[in-house]
N, C-alpha and C. Protein backbone atom coordinates (compact mmCIF):
# COMPACT_ATOMS: atom_id res chain seq x y z
N UNK A 1 0.85 -1.17 0.00
CA UNK A 1 0.00 0.00 0.00
C UNK A 1 0.89 1.24 0.00
N UNK A 2 0.61 2.12 -0.90
CA UNK A 2 1.45 3.30 -0.98
C UNK A 2 0.82 4.45 -0.22
N UNK A 3 1.65 5.14 0.57
CA UNK A 3 1.20 6.36 1.21
C UNK A 3 1.99 7.48 0.55
N UNK A 4 1.32 8.17 -0.36
CA UNK A 4 2.03 9.22 -1.06
C UNK A 4 1.20 10.47 -1.03
N UNK A 5 1.81 11.55 -0.67
CA UNK A 5 1.09 12.83 -0.62
C UNK A 5 1.96 13.85 -1.32
N UNK A 6 1.46 14.48 -2.38
CA UNK A 6 2.24 15.45 -3.13
C UNK A 6 1.80 16.84 -2.73
N UNK A 7 2.72 17.66 -2.21
CA UNK A 7 2.37 19.01 -1.80
C UNK A 7 3.33 19.97 -2.48
N UNK A 8 2.87 21.23 -2.75
CA UNK A 8 3.76 22.19 -3.37
C UNK A 8 3.66 23.50 -2.62
N UNK A 9 4.64 23.77 -1.78
CA UNK A 9 4.68 25.06 -1.13
C UNK A 9 6.08 25.27 -0.58
N UNK A 10 6.49 26.53 -0.37
CA UNK A 10 7.78 26.84 0.26
C UNK A 10 7.55 26.93 1.75
N UNK A 11 8.38 26.26 2.54
CA UNK A 11 8.23 26.27 3.99
C UNK A 11 8.60 27.65 4.52
N UNK A 12 7.77 28.17 5.42
CA UNK A 12 8.03 29.50 5.98
C UNK A 12 8.59 29.37 7.38
N UNK A 13 9.77 29.93 7.61
CA UNK A 13 10.36 29.93 8.95
C UNK A 13 10.09 31.29 9.56
N UNK A 14 9.29 31.33 10.59
CA UNK A 14 8.87 32.59 11.19
C UNK A 14 9.82 32.97 12.32
N UNK A 15 10.56 34.06 12.16
CA UNK A 15 11.50 34.50 13.18
C UNK A 15 10.80 35.34 14.22
N UNK A 16 11.34 35.40 15.42
CA UNK A 16 10.77 36.22 16.49
C UNK A 16 11.66 37.42 16.71
N UNK A 17 11.07 38.53 17.12
CA UNK A 17 11.83 39.76 17.34
C UNK A 17 11.38 40.38 18.64
N UNK A 18 12.25 40.38 19.62
CA UNK A 18 11.89 40.88 20.94
C UNK A 18 12.46 42.26 21.20
N UNK A 19 13.08 42.90 20.19
CA UNK A 19 13.66 44.22 20.37
C UNK A 19 15.17 44.14 20.46
N UNK A 20 15.86 45.32 20.31
CA UNK A 20 17.32 45.34 20.32
C UNK A 20 17.80 46.26 21.44
N UNK A 21 18.91 45.89 22.00
CA UNK A 21 19.53 46.76 23.00
C UNK A 21 20.15 47.95 22.28
N UNK A 22 20.29 49.10 22.95
CA UNK A 22 20.86 50.28 22.30
C UNK A 22 22.21 49.96 21.68
N UNK A 23 22.37 50.35 20.41
CA UNK A 23 23.64 50.16 19.73
C UNK A 23 23.83 48.78 19.15
N UNK A 24 22.89 47.84 19.37
CA UNK A 24 23.06 46.49 18.84
C UNK A 24 22.46 46.39 17.45
N UNK A 25 22.89 45.39 16.69
CA UNK A 25 22.35 45.17 15.35
C UNK A 25 21.03 44.43 15.45
N UNK A 26 20.10 44.67 14.53
CA UNK A 26 18.83 43.92 14.52
C UNK A 26 19.09 42.43 14.29
N UNK A 27 18.18 41.64 14.80
CA UNK A 27 18.25 40.19 14.59
C UNK A 27 18.03 39.91 13.11
N UNK A 28 19.02 39.36 12.36
CA UNK A 28 18.84 39.14 10.91
C UNK A 28 17.73 38.15 10.61
N UNK A 29 17.49 37.17 11.50
CA UNK A 29 16.41 36.20 11.25
C UNK A 29 15.06 36.88 11.33
N UNK A 30 14.94 37.85 12.26
CA UNK A 30 13.66 38.54 12.41
C UNK A 30 13.40 39.47 11.24
N UNK A 31 14.48 40.04 10.67
CA UNK A 31 14.31 41.01 9.59
C UNK A 31 14.14 40.35 8.24
N UNK A 32 14.48 39.05 8.11
CA UNK A 32 14.42 38.37 6.81
C UNK A 32 12.98 38.24 6.34
N UNK A 33 12.73 38.46 5.04
CA UNK A 33 11.36 38.31 4.51
C UNK A 33 10.95 36.84 4.50
N UNK A 34 9.66 36.60 4.66
CA UNK A 34 9.15 35.23 4.63
C UNK A 34 9.19 34.70 3.21
N UNK A 35 9.53 33.40 3.03
CA UNK A 35 9.49 32.81 1.69
C UNK A 35 8.08 32.88 1.11
N UNK A 36 7.99 32.90 -0.21
CA UNK A 36 6.70 33.00 -0.89
C UNK A 36 6.16 31.61 -1.20
N UNK A 37 4.85 31.50 -1.19
CA UNK A 37 4.20 30.25 -1.58
C UNK A 37 3.78 30.33 -3.04
N UNK A 38 3.57 29.14 -3.64
CA UNK A 38 3.02 29.09 -4.98
C UNK A 38 1.55 29.54 -4.93
N UNK A 39 1.11 30.22 -5.97
CA UNK A 39 -0.30 30.60 -6.08
C UNK A 39 -1.11 29.39 -6.53
N UNK A 40 -2.31 29.25 -5.97
CA UNK A 40 -3.17 28.11 -6.30
C UNK A 40 -4.44 28.61 -6.98
N UNK A 41 -4.77 27.97 -8.10
CA UNK A 41 -6.00 28.30 -8.82
C UNK A 41 -6.81 27.02 -9.03
N UNK A 42 -8.07 27.01 -8.59
CA UNK A 42 -8.97 25.87 -8.79
C UNK A 42 -10.03 26.24 -9.82
N UNK A 43 -10.18 25.38 -10.83
CA UNK A 43 -11.19 25.59 -11.86
C UNK A 43 -12.13 24.39 -11.85
N UNK A 44 -13.43 24.63 -11.65
CA UNK A 44 -14.39 23.54 -11.61
C UNK A 44 -14.56 22.95 -13.00
N UNK A 45 -14.62 21.62 -13.08
CA UNK A 45 -14.77 20.93 -14.36
C UNK A 45 -15.93 19.94 -14.26
N UNK A 46 -16.51 19.61 -15.41
CA UNK A 46 -17.58 18.61 -15.46
C UNK A 46 -16.98 17.22 -15.30
N UNK A 47 -17.77 16.32 -14.73
CA UNK A 47 -17.27 14.96 -14.49
C UNK A 47 -16.85 14.29 -15.80
N UNK A 48 -17.58 14.51 -16.86
CA UNK A 48 -17.25 13.84 -18.13
C UNK A 48 -16.43 14.74 -19.06
N UNK A 49 -16.00 15.91 -18.56
CA UNK A 49 -15.25 16.84 -19.41
C UNK A 49 -13.77 16.48 -19.49
N UNK A 50 -13.23 16.54 -20.69
CA UNK A 50 -11.80 16.28 -20.87
C UNK A 50 -11.00 17.44 -20.29
N UNK A 51 -9.98 17.13 -19.51
CA UNK A 51 -9.17 18.16 -18.88
C UNK A 51 -7.85 18.35 -19.63
N UNK A 52 -7.10 19.36 -19.23
CA UNK A 52 -5.79 19.60 -19.83
C UNK A 52 -4.81 18.46 -19.54
N UNK A 53 -5.14 17.64 -18.57
CA UNK A 53 -4.27 16.51 -18.24
C UNK A 53 -4.42 15.36 -19.22
N UNK A 54 -5.45 15.44 -20.06
CA UNK A 54 -5.66 14.39 -21.06
C UNK A 54 -6.63 13.31 -20.63
N UNK A 55 -7.34 13.51 -19.52
CA UNK A 55 -8.34 12.55 -19.07
C UNK A 55 -9.41 13.30 -18.29
N UNK A 56 -10.53 12.63 -18.09
CA UNK A 56 -11.67 13.22 -17.38
C UNK A 56 -11.79 12.60 -15.98
N UNK A 57 -12.63 13.20 -15.15
CA UNK A 57 -12.90 12.63 -13.82
C UNK A 57 -13.57 11.27 -13.96
N UNK A 58 -14.39 11.10 -14.99
CA UNK A 58 -15.02 9.80 -15.25
C UNK A 58 -13.96 8.71 -15.39
N UNK A 59 -12.89 9.02 -16.10
CA UNK A 59 -11.83 8.03 -16.30
C UNK A 59 -11.08 7.73 -15.01
N UNK A 60 -10.94 8.73 -14.14
CA UNK A 60 -10.30 8.51 -12.84
C UNK A 60 -11.16 7.61 -11.96
N UNK A 61 -12.48 7.85 -11.98
CA UNK A 61 -13.38 7.11 -11.12
C UNK A 61 -13.66 5.69 -11.62
N UNK A 62 -13.62 5.51 -12.93
CA UNK A 62 -14.04 4.24 -13.53
C UNK A 62 -13.33 3.01 -12.96
N UNK A 63 -12.01 3.05 -12.68
CA UNK A 63 -11.35 1.83 -12.21
C UNK A 63 -11.81 1.33 -10.85
N UNK A 64 -12.49 2.17 -10.05
CA UNK A 64 -12.80 1.69 -8.70
C UNK A 64 -14.15 2.15 -8.17
N UNK A 65 -14.97 2.83 -8.96
CA UNK A 65 -16.29 3.24 -8.50
C UNK A 65 -17.26 2.08 -8.70
N UNK A 66 -17.61 1.40 -7.62
CA UNK A 66 -18.44 0.19 -7.72
C UNK A 66 -18.87 -0.27 -6.33
N UNK A 67 -19.61 -1.39 -6.31
CA UNK A 67 -19.93 -2.07 -5.06
C UNK A 67 -19.11 -3.35 -5.00
N UNK A 68 -18.46 -3.57 -3.87
CA UNK A 68 -17.58 -4.73 -3.69
C UNK A 68 -18.15 -5.62 -2.59
N UNK A 69 -18.30 -6.90 -2.89
CA UNK A 69 -18.78 -7.86 -1.90
C UNK A 69 -17.66 -8.85 -1.60
N UNK A 70 -17.44 -9.10 -0.32
CA UNK A 70 -16.36 -9.97 0.09
C UNK A 70 -16.72 -10.60 1.43
N UNK A 71 -15.74 -11.26 2.05
CA UNK A 71 -15.91 -11.85 3.38
C UNK A 71 -14.82 -11.32 4.28
N UNK A 72 -15.22 -10.73 5.40
CA UNK A 72 -14.25 -10.22 6.37
C UNK A 72 -13.86 -11.35 7.31
N UNK A 73 -12.56 -11.58 7.41
CA UNK A 73 -12.01 -12.62 8.29
C UNK A 73 -11.42 -11.97 9.53
N UNK A 74 -12.00 -12.30 10.70
CA UNK A 74 -11.43 -11.80 11.95
C UNK A 74 -10.22 -12.64 12.33
N UNK A 75 -9.20 -12.02 12.87
CA UNK A 75 -7.98 -12.74 13.21
C UNK A 75 -8.23 -13.78 14.29
N UNK A 76 -9.05 -13.43 15.29
CA UNK A 76 -9.23 -14.35 16.41
C UNK A 76 -10.18 -15.50 16.08
N UNK A 77 -11.04 -15.33 15.05
CA UNK A 77 -11.97 -16.39 14.61
C UNK A 77 -13.21 -15.74 14.05
N UNK A 78 -13.83 -16.46 13.12
CA UNK A 78 -15.10 -16.01 12.59
C UNK A 78 -14.98 -15.16 11.33
N UNK A 79 -16.07 -15.17 10.57
CA UNK A 79 -16.15 -14.40 9.33
C UNK A 79 -17.52 -13.74 9.24
N UNK A 80 -17.63 -12.76 8.37
CA UNK A 80 -18.91 -12.12 8.11
C UNK A 80 -18.89 -11.53 6.71
N UNK A 81 -20.02 -11.57 5.97
CA UNK A 81 -20.06 -10.91 4.66
C UNK A 81 -19.80 -9.41 4.80
N UNK A 82 -19.09 -8.88 3.83
CA UNK A 82 -18.67 -7.48 3.83
C UNK A 82 -19.10 -6.83 2.52
N UNK A 83 -19.61 -5.60 2.62
CA UNK A 83 -19.96 -4.82 1.43
C UNK A 83 -19.29 -3.46 1.51
N UNK A 84 -18.57 -3.11 0.44
CA UNK A 84 -17.91 -1.81 0.33
C UNK A 84 -18.45 -1.13 -0.91
N UNK A 85 -18.81 0.14 -0.79
CA UNK A 85 -19.20 0.91 -1.98
C UNK A 85 -18.29 2.13 -2.10
N UNK A 86 -17.99 2.48 -3.34
CA UNK A 86 -17.20 3.67 -3.63
C UNK A 86 -17.90 4.41 -4.76
N UNK A 87 -18.17 5.70 -4.57
CA UNK A 87 -18.85 6.48 -5.60
C UNK A 87 -18.52 7.96 -5.41
N UNK A 88 -18.61 8.72 -6.48
CA UNK A 88 -18.41 10.17 -6.38
C UNK A 88 -19.43 10.72 -5.40
N UNK A 89 -18.99 11.61 -4.51
CA UNK A 89 -19.90 12.12 -3.47
C UNK A 89 -20.75 13.31 -3.93
N UNK A 90 -20.61 13.70 -5.18
CA UNK A 90 -21.44 14.78 -5.73
C UNK A 90 -20.87 16.17 -5.56
N UNK A 91 -19.74 16.29 -4.87
CA UNK A 91 -19.15 17.62 -4.67
C UNK A 91 -18.44 18.07 -5.94
N UNK A 92 -18.16 19.39 -6.06
CA UNK A 92 -17.50 19.89 -7.27
C UNK A 92 -16.16 19.21 -7.54
N UNK A 93 -15.88 18.99 -8.80
CA UNK A 93 -14.59 18.43 -9.23
C UNK A 93 -13.76 19.59 -9.76
N UNK A 94 -12.52 19.69 -9.32
CA UNK A 94 -11.71 20.83 -9.73
C UNK A 94 -10.38 20.40 -10.30
N UNK A 95 -9.88 21.23 -11.22
CA UNK A 95 -8.53 21.09 -11.74
C UNK A 95 -7.69 22.16 -11.04
N UNK A 96 -6.70 21.72 -10.28
CA UNK A 96 -5.88 22.64 -9.48
C UNK A 96 -4.55 22.89 -10.18
N UNK A 97 -4.17 24.17 -10.23
CA UNK A 97 -2.90 24.54 -10.83
C UNK A 97 -2.12 25.41 -9.87
N UNK A 98 -0.83 25.12 -9.72
CA UNK A 98 0.07 25.93 -8.91
C UNK A 98 0.97 26.74 -9.84
N UNK A 99 1.12 28.01 -9.57
CA UNK A 99 1.99 28.86 -10.38
C UNK A 99 2.89 29.68 -9.45
N UNK A 100 4.10 29.95 -9.93
CA UNK A 100 5.04 30.74 -9.15
C UNK A 100 4.59 32.19 -9.12
N UNK A 101 4.73 32.87 -7.98
CA UNK A 101 4.34 34.27 -7.91
C UNK A 101 5.28 35.14 -8.73
N UNK A 102 4.80 36.31 -9.12
CA UNK A 102 5.61 37.22 -9.94
C UNK A 102 6.91 37.57 -9.23
N UNK A 103 6.83 37.72 -7.90
CA UNK A 103 8.01 38.11 -7.13
C UNK A 103 9.10 37.04 -7.10
N UNK A 104 8.71 35.79 -7.39
CA UNK A 104 9.68 34.68 -7.35
C UNK A 104 9.36 33.71 -8.48
N UNK A 105 9.64 34.11 -9.73
CA UNK A 105 9.22 33.32 -10.90
C UNK A 105 9.88 31.95 -11.01
N UNK A 106 11.02 31.76 -10.34
CA UNK A 106 11.72 30.47 -10.44
C UNK A 106 11.31 29.50 -9.34
N UNK A 107 10.34 29.87 -8.52
CA UNK A 107 9.89 28.97 -7.45
C UNK A 107 9.30 27.71 -8.06
N UNK A 108 9.74 26.54 -7.55
CA UNK A 108 9.26 25.26 -8.09
C UNK A 108 7.87 24.96 -7.57
N UNK A 109 6.94 24.70 -8.47
CA UNK A 109 5.56 24.40 -8.09
C UNK A 109 5.16 23.04 -8.64
N UNK A 110 4.13 22.48 -8.05
CA UNK A 110 3.69 21.13 -8.44
C UNK A 110 2.93 21.11 -9.75
N UNK A 111 2.68 19.91 -10.27
CA UNK A 111 1.95 19.77 -11.53
C UNK A 111 0.45 19.99 -11.34
N UNK A 112 -0.24 20.23 -12.44
CA UNK A 112 -1.70 20.34 -12.39
C UNK A 112 -2.28 19.03 -11.86
N UNK A 113 -3.36 19.15 -11.09
CA UNK A 113 -3.93 17.98 -10.42
C UNK A 113 -5.45 18.02 -10.51
N UNK A 114 -6.04 16.88 -10.81
CA UNK A 114 -7.50 16.75 -10.78
C UNK A 114 -7.90 16.27 -9.39
N UNK A 115 -8.83 16.98 -8.76
CA UNK A 115 -9.26 16.64 -7.40
C UNK A 115 -10.74 16.27 -7.42
N UNK A 116 -11.03 15.06 -7.02
CA UNK A 116 -12.41 14.56 -6.98
C UNK A 116 -12.62 13.83 -5.66
N UNK A 117 -13.77 14.04 -5.03
CA UNK A 117 -14.06 13.39 -3.74
C UNK A 117 -14.98 12.20 -3.94
N UNK A 118 -14.73 11.14 -3.18
CA UNK A 118 -15.58 9.96 -3.24
C UNK A 118 -16.16 9.68 -1.85
N UNK A 119 -17.32 9.05 -1.84
CA UNK A 119 -17.94 8.57 -0.61
C UNK A 119 -17.71 7.07 -0.53
N UNK A 120 -17.27 6.61 0.64
CA UNK A 120 -16.98 5.19 0.85
C UNK A 120 -17.87 4.68 1.99
N UNK A 121 -18.49 3.52 1.78
CA UNK A 121 -19.21 2.86 2.87
C UNK A 121 -18.57 1.50 3.12
N UNK A 122 -18.58 1.08 4.39
CA UNK A 122 -17.95 -0.17 4.80
C UNK A 122 -18.89 -0.82 5.81
N UNK A 123 -19.64 -1.84 5.38
CA UNK A 123 -20.65 -2.45 6.26
C UNK A 123 -20.50 -3.97 6.28
N UNK A 124 -20.73 -4.55 7.45
CA UNK A 124 -20.68 -6.01 7.60
C UNK A 124 -22.04 -6.53 8.03
N UNK A 125 -22.36 -7.75 7.60
CA UNK A 125 -23.66 -8.34 7.92
C UNK A 125 -23.84 -8.60 9.41
N UNK A 126 -22.73 -8.76 10.15
CA UNK A 126 -22.86 -9.02 11.59
C UNK A 126 -23.11 -7.73 12.39
N UNK A 127 -23.14 -6.59 11.72
CA UNK A 127 -23.42 -5.33 12.40
C UNK A 127 -22.22 -4.69 13.07
N UNK A 128 -21.06 -5.35 13.05
CA UNK A 128 -19.88 -4.80 13.74
C UNK A 128 -19.44 -3.47 13.14
N UNK A 129 -19.60 -3.34 11.81
CA UNK A 129 -19.17 -2.11 11.15
C UNK A 129 -20.28 -1.60 10.22
N UNK A 130 -20.55 -0.30 10.36
CA UNK A 130 -21.52 0.37 9.49
C UNK A 130 -20.98 1.78 9.25
N UNK A 131 -19.78 1.84 8.68
CA UNK A 131 -19.03 3.10 8.63
C UNK A 131 -19.11 3.73 7.24
N UNK A 132 -18.90 5.04 7.23
CA UNK A 132 -18.85 5.76 5.96
C UNK A 132 -17.93 6.96 6.12
N UNK A 133 -17.30 7.35 5.03
CA UNK A 133 -16.43 8.52 5.05
C UNK A 133 -16.27 9.05 3.63
N UNK A 134 -15.81 10.28 3.53
CA UNK A 134 -15.49 10.85 2.23
C UNK A 134 -13.98 11.04 2.14
N UNK A 135 -13.49 11.02 0.91
CA UNK A 135 -12.05 11.09 0.72
C UNK A 135 -11.75 11.81 -0.58
N UNK A 136 -10.78 12.73 -0.53
CA UNK A 136 -10.36 13.45 -1.73
C UNK A 136 -9.31 12.65 -2.47
N UNK A 137 -9.47 12.53 -3.78
CA UNK A 137 -8.46 11.89 -4.62
C UNK A 137 -7.75 12.98 -5.42
N UNK A 138 -6.44 12.98 -5.37
CA UNK A 138 -5.62 13.94 -6.12
C UNK A 138 -4.89 13.15 -7.20
N UNK A 139 -5.25 13.38 -8.46
CA UNK A 139 -4.71 12.53 -9.52
C UNK A 139 -4.00 13.34 -10.61
N UNK A 140 -2.84 12.82 -11.02
CA UNK A 140 -2.12 13.36 -12.17
C UNK A 140 -2.23 12.39 -13.35
N UNK A 141 -2.80 11.21 -13.11
CA UNK A 141 -2.95 10.20 -14.14
C UNK A 141 -4.19 9.37 -13.84
N UNK A 142 -4.43 8.35 -14.65
CA UNK A 142 -5.59 7.47 -14.45
C UNK A 142 -5.11 6.18 -13.79
N UNK A 143 -5.50 5.90 -12.55
CA UNK A 143 -4.99 4.72 -11.85
C UNK A 143 -5.71 3.44 -12.27
N UNK A 144 -5.01 2.31 -12.34
CA UNK A 144 -5.68 1.04 -12.60
C UNK A 144 -6.42 0.54 -11.37
N UNK A 145 -6.04 1.03 -10.21
CA UNK A 145 -6.68 0.66 -8.95
C UNK A 145 -6.39 1.78 -7.97
N UNK A 146 -6.90 1.64 -6.75
CA UNK A 146 -6.66 2.71 -5.79
C UNK A 146 -6.70 2.15 -4.37
N UNK A 147 -5.92 2.77 -3.50
CA UNK A 147 -5.94 2.44 -2.08
C UNK A 147 -6.58 3.60 -1.32
N UNK A 148 -7.64 3.32 -0.62
CA UNK A 148 -8.35 4.33 0.18
C UNK A 148 -8.03 4.07 1.64
N UNK A 149 -7.52 5.07 2.32
CA UNK A 149 -7.11 4.92 3.71
C UNK A 149 -7.90 5.90 4.56
N UNK A 150 -8.55 5.39 5.60
CA UNK A 150 -9.30 6.26 6.50
C UNK A 150 -8.94 5.92 7.94
N UNK A 151 -8.66 6.94 8.72
CA UNK A 151 -8.41 6.77 10.15
C UNK A 151 -9.60 7.35 10.90
N UNK A 152 -10.43 6.49 11.45
CA UNK A 152 -11.67 6.92 12.09
C UNK A 152 -11.57 6.78 13.61
N UNK A 153 -11.91 7.84 14.36
CA UNK A 153 -11.93 7.72 15.83
C UNK A 153 -12.96 6.68 16.26
N UNK A 154 -12.58 5.83 17.18
CA UNK A 154 -13.50 4.77 17.61
C UNK A 154 -14.74 5.34 18.30
N UNK A 155 -14.62 6.54 18.86
CA UNK A 155 -15.77 7.14 19.53
C UNK A 155 -16.91 7.45 18.57
N UNK A 156 -16.61 7.56 17.28
CA UNK A 156 -17.66 7.89 16.32
C UNK A 156 -18.11 6.72 15.45
N UNK A 157 -17.65 5.51 15.74
CA UNK A 157 -18.03 4.35 14.93
C UNK A 157 -19.52 4.06 15.07
N UNK A 158 -20.12 3.61 13.98
CA UNK A 158 -21.57 3.39 13.95
C UNK A 158 -21.97 1.94 14.17
N UNK A 159 -21.02 1.01 14.09
CA UNK A 159 -21.34 -0.39 14.27
C UNK A 159 -21.28 -0.82 15.73
N UNK A 160 -21.36 -2.12 15.94
CA UNK A 160 -21.40 -2.66 17.31
C UNK A 160 -20.04 -3.15 17.80
N UNK A 161 -19.01 -3.04 16.97
CA UNK A 161 -17.69 -3.53 17.36
C UNK A 161 -17.21 -2.80 18.62
N UNK A 162 -16.66 -3.57 19.58
CA UNK A 162 -16.19 -3.02 20.85
C UNK A 162 -14.74 -2.59 20.72
N UNK A 163 -14.46 -1.30 20.80
CA UNK A 163 -13.08 -0.83 20.60
C UNK A 163 -12.15 -1.12 21.76
N UNK A 164 -12.69 -1.44 22.93
CA UNK A 164 -11.87 -1.64 24.14
C UNK A 164 -10.94 -0.45 24.33
N UNK A 165 -9.62 -0.66 24.24
CA UNK A 165 -8.68 0.44 24.47
C UNK A 165 -8.30 1.20 23.20
N UNK A 166 -8.75 0.75 22.07
CA UNK A 166 -8.36 1.39 20.81
C UNK A 166 -9.00 2.77 20.68
N UNK A 167 -8.24 3.73 20.21
CA UNK A 167 -8.75 5.09 20.01
C UNK A 167 -9.06 5.39 18.55
N UNK A 168 -8.44 4.64 17.64
CA UNK A 168 -8.60 4.88 16.20
C UNK A 168 -8.64 3.55 15.46
N UNK A 169 -9.44 3.50 14.40
CA UNK A 169 -9.40 2.36 13.47
C UNK A 169 -8.92 2.86 12.12
N UNK A 170 -7.94 2.16 11.56
CA UNK A 170 -7.45 2.48 10.23
C UNK A 170 -8.01 1.44 9.25
N UNK A 171 -8.73 1.94 8.24
CA UNK A 171 -9.27 1.08 7.19
C UNK A 171 -8.38 1.24 5.96
N UNK A 172 -7.75 0.13 5.54
CA UNK A 172 -6.94 0.10 4.32
C UNK A 172 -7.75 -0.65 3.26
N UNK A 173 -8.29 0.08 2.31
CA UNK A 173 -9.22 -0.50 1.34
C UNK A 173 -8.64 -0.39 -0.07
N UNK A 174 -8.19 -1.51 -0.62
CA UNK A 174 -7.74 -1.55 -2.01
C UNK A 174 -8.91 -1.95 -2.89
N UNK A 175 -9.14 -1.18 -3.95
CA UNK A 175 -10.29 -1.46 -4.82
C UNK A 175 -9.87 -1.41 -6.27
N UNK A 176 -10.54 -2.21 -7.09
CA UNK A 176 -10.29 -2.24 -8.53
C UNK A 176 -11.55 -2.71 -9.23
N UNK A 177 -12.26 -1.75 -9.83
CA UNK A 177 -13.49 -2.09 -10.55
C UNK A 177 -13.24 -2.25 -12.04
N UNK A 178 -11.98 -2.16 -12.46
CA UNK A 178 -11.66 -2.20 -13.88
C UNK A 178 -11.65 -3.59 -14.48
N UNK A 179 -12.60 -4.43 -14.12
CA UNK A 179 -12.72 -5.77 -14.70
C UNK A 179 -14.18 -6.20 -14.62
N UNK A 180 -14.48 -7.39 -15.12
CA UNK A 180 -15.87 -7.86 -15.12
C UNK A 180 -16.43 -7.96 -13.70
N UNK A 181 -15.60 -8.40 -12.77
CA UNK A 181 -16.02 -8.51 -11.37
C UNK A 181 -15.16 -7.59 -10.51
N UNK A 182 -15.74 -6.53 -9.92
CA UNK A 182 -14.96 -5.64 -9.07
C UNK A 182 -14.32 -6.41 -7.92
N UNK A 183 -13.07 -6.11 -7.64
CA UNK A 183 -12.35 -6.81 -6.59
C UNK A 183 -11.83 -5.83 -5.54
N UNK A 184 -11.70 -6.34 -4.32
CA UNK A 184 -11.16 -5.53 -3.23
C UNK A 184 -10.43 -6.42 -2.25
N UNK A 185 -9.40 -5.87 -1.64
CA UNK A 185 -8.78 -6.52 -0.49
C UNK A 185 -8.33 -5.43 0.47
N UNK A 186 -8.03 -5.83 1.69
CA UNK A 186 -7.61 -4.83 2.64
C UNK A 186 -7.61 -5.33 4.06
N UNK A 187 -7.49 -4.39 4.97
CA UNK A 187 -7.29 -4.75 6.37
C UNK A 187 -7.83 -3.65 7.28
N UNK A 188 -8.23 -4.03 8.48
CA UNK A 188 -8.60 -3.07 9.52
C UNK A 188 -7.55 -3.17 10.63
N UNK A 189 -7.02 -2.01 11.01
CA UNK A 189 -5.97 -1.95 12.03
C UNK A 189 -6.46 -1.08 13.18
N UNK A 190 -6.38 -1.60 14.40
CA UNK A 190 -6.74 -0.80 15.57
C UNK A 190 -5.49 -0.11 16.11
N UNK A 191 -5.67 1.10 16.60
CA UNK A 191 -4.56 1.89 17.14
C UNK A 191 -4.84 2.18 18.61
N UNK A 192 -3.91 1.77 19.46
CA UNK A 192 -4.04 1.97 20.91
C UNK A 192 -2.97 2.97 21.35
N UNK A 193 -3.41 4.09 21.91
CA UNK A 193 -2.46 5.10 22.39
C UNK A 193 -1.80 4.61 23.68
N UNK A 194 -0.53 4.96 23.85
CA UNK A 194 0.20 4.57 25.06
C UNK A 194 0.75 5.82 25.74
N UNK A 195 1.17 5.66 26.99
CA UNK A 195 1.65 6.81 27.76
C UNK A 195 2.99 7.33 27.25
N UNK A 196 3.77 6.48 26.56
CA UNK A 196 5.08 6.92 26.08
C UNK A 196 5.03 7.42 24.64
N UNK A 197 3.84 7.72 24.15
CA UNK A 197 3.67 8.29 22.80
C UNK A 197 4.08 7.33 21.70
N UNK A 198 4.02 6.05 21.94
CA UNK A 198 4.32 5.04 20.92
C UNK A 198 3.08 4.18 20.72
N UNK A 199 2.14 4.60 19.85
CA UNK A 199 0.90 3.85 19.69
C UNK A 199 1.13 2.42 19.20
N UNK A 200 0.30 1.52 19.68
CA UNK A 200 0.37 0.12 19.27
C UNK A 200 -0.65 -0.10 18.15
N UNK A 201 -0.20 -0.63 17.02
CA UNK A 201 -1.07 -0.90 15.88
C UNK A 201 -1.25 -2.40 15.72
N UNK A 202 -2.50 -2.82 15.59
CA UNK A 202 -2.79 -4.25 15.52
C UNK A 202 -3.82 -4.53 14.44
N UNK A 203 -3.40 -5.28 13.42
CA UNK A 203 -4.34 -5.69 12.39
C UNK A 203 -5.17 -6.85 12.89
N UNK A 204 -6.49 -6.68 12.95
CA UNK A 204 -7.31 -7.74 13.54
C UNK A 204 -8.35 -8.32 12.58
N UNK A 205 -8.48 -7.76 11.39
CA UNK A 205 -9.44 -8.29 10.42
C UNK A 205 -8.99 -7.93 9.02
N UNK A 206 -9.29 -8.79 8.06
CA UNK A 206 -8.86 -8.55 6.68
C UNK A 206 -9.79 -9.27 5.72
N UNK A 207 -9.72 -8.88 4.45
CA UNK A 207 -10.51 -9.55 3.42
C UNK A 207 -9.63 -9.74 2.18
N UNK A 208 -9.68 -10.95 1.66
CA UNK A 208 -8.94 -11.35 0.46
C UNK A 208 -7.42 -11.23 0.59
N UNK A 209 -6.91 -11.08 1.80
CA UNK A 209 -5.48 -11.18 2.09
C UNK A 209 -5.35 -11.84 3.45
N UNK A 210 -4.16 -12.29 3.77
CA UNK A 210 -3.94 -12.92 5.07
C UNK A 210 -3.94 -11.84 6.16
N UNK A 211 -4.76 -11.99 7.19
CA UNK A 211 -4.75 -11.00 8.28
C UNK A 211 -3.46 -11.11 9.08
N UNK A 212 -3.05 -10.00 9.67
CA UNK A 212 -1.86 -10.01 10.51
C UNK A 212 -2.09 -10.97 11.69
N UNK A 213 -0.98 -11.54 12.16
CA UNK A 213 -1.11 -12.51 13.26
C UNK A 213 -0.81 -11.89 14.61
N UNK A 214 -0.50 -10.60 14.65
CA UNK A 214 -0.21 -9.98 15.93
C UNK A 214 -0.13 -8.47 15.78
N UNK A 215 0.23 -7.82 16.86
CA UNK A 215 0.34 -6.36 16.86
C UNK A 215 1.75 -5.94 16.49
N UNK A 216 1.87 -4.76 15.89
CA UNK A 216 3.17 -4.24 15.49
C UNK A 216 3.81 -3.53 16.67
């Protein structure tokens, strides 16, 4: 599973200035100008409209917008039918462009990106999970499949699963609708916070892959 996040901005280091003693030089860090950020422009596009990137939002969504049926295997024992749906959530689709400001024309900015949001549902027949979330997809190309990752606080879960000491559930959902039968695999990982700031992650359920046999 890839965790990749592409961002384009210049980091700003903010200096502090508490004043100067008589005859002393000003603090050069405090006097330095802040770095400039790339300018961002969002243009709304139609779902089926061809973009400057050479593809439409329809083409981005096509490989994984579907209903997926599988069987969730709990690590400790037992199984339950699982249904996952992925679909455009109806929000505006935008083509984002970063450009260097006039004051700093050589500033490196990121490539144009198509941004589309999807709604994901994750439900099991045993009632343990009845979750849903939205997720933004940032695409520079058309993916053959996609990994959707959601970290949901256990306090807001809608199913009957008992979180015990876990504070967060991570859903790793791989989907691929680009074939006759949509396929999915993935895992659910519970996160337990500890007093030494080293959270314990434990995969306890999976579908179409081998579930983890213990905690990390």
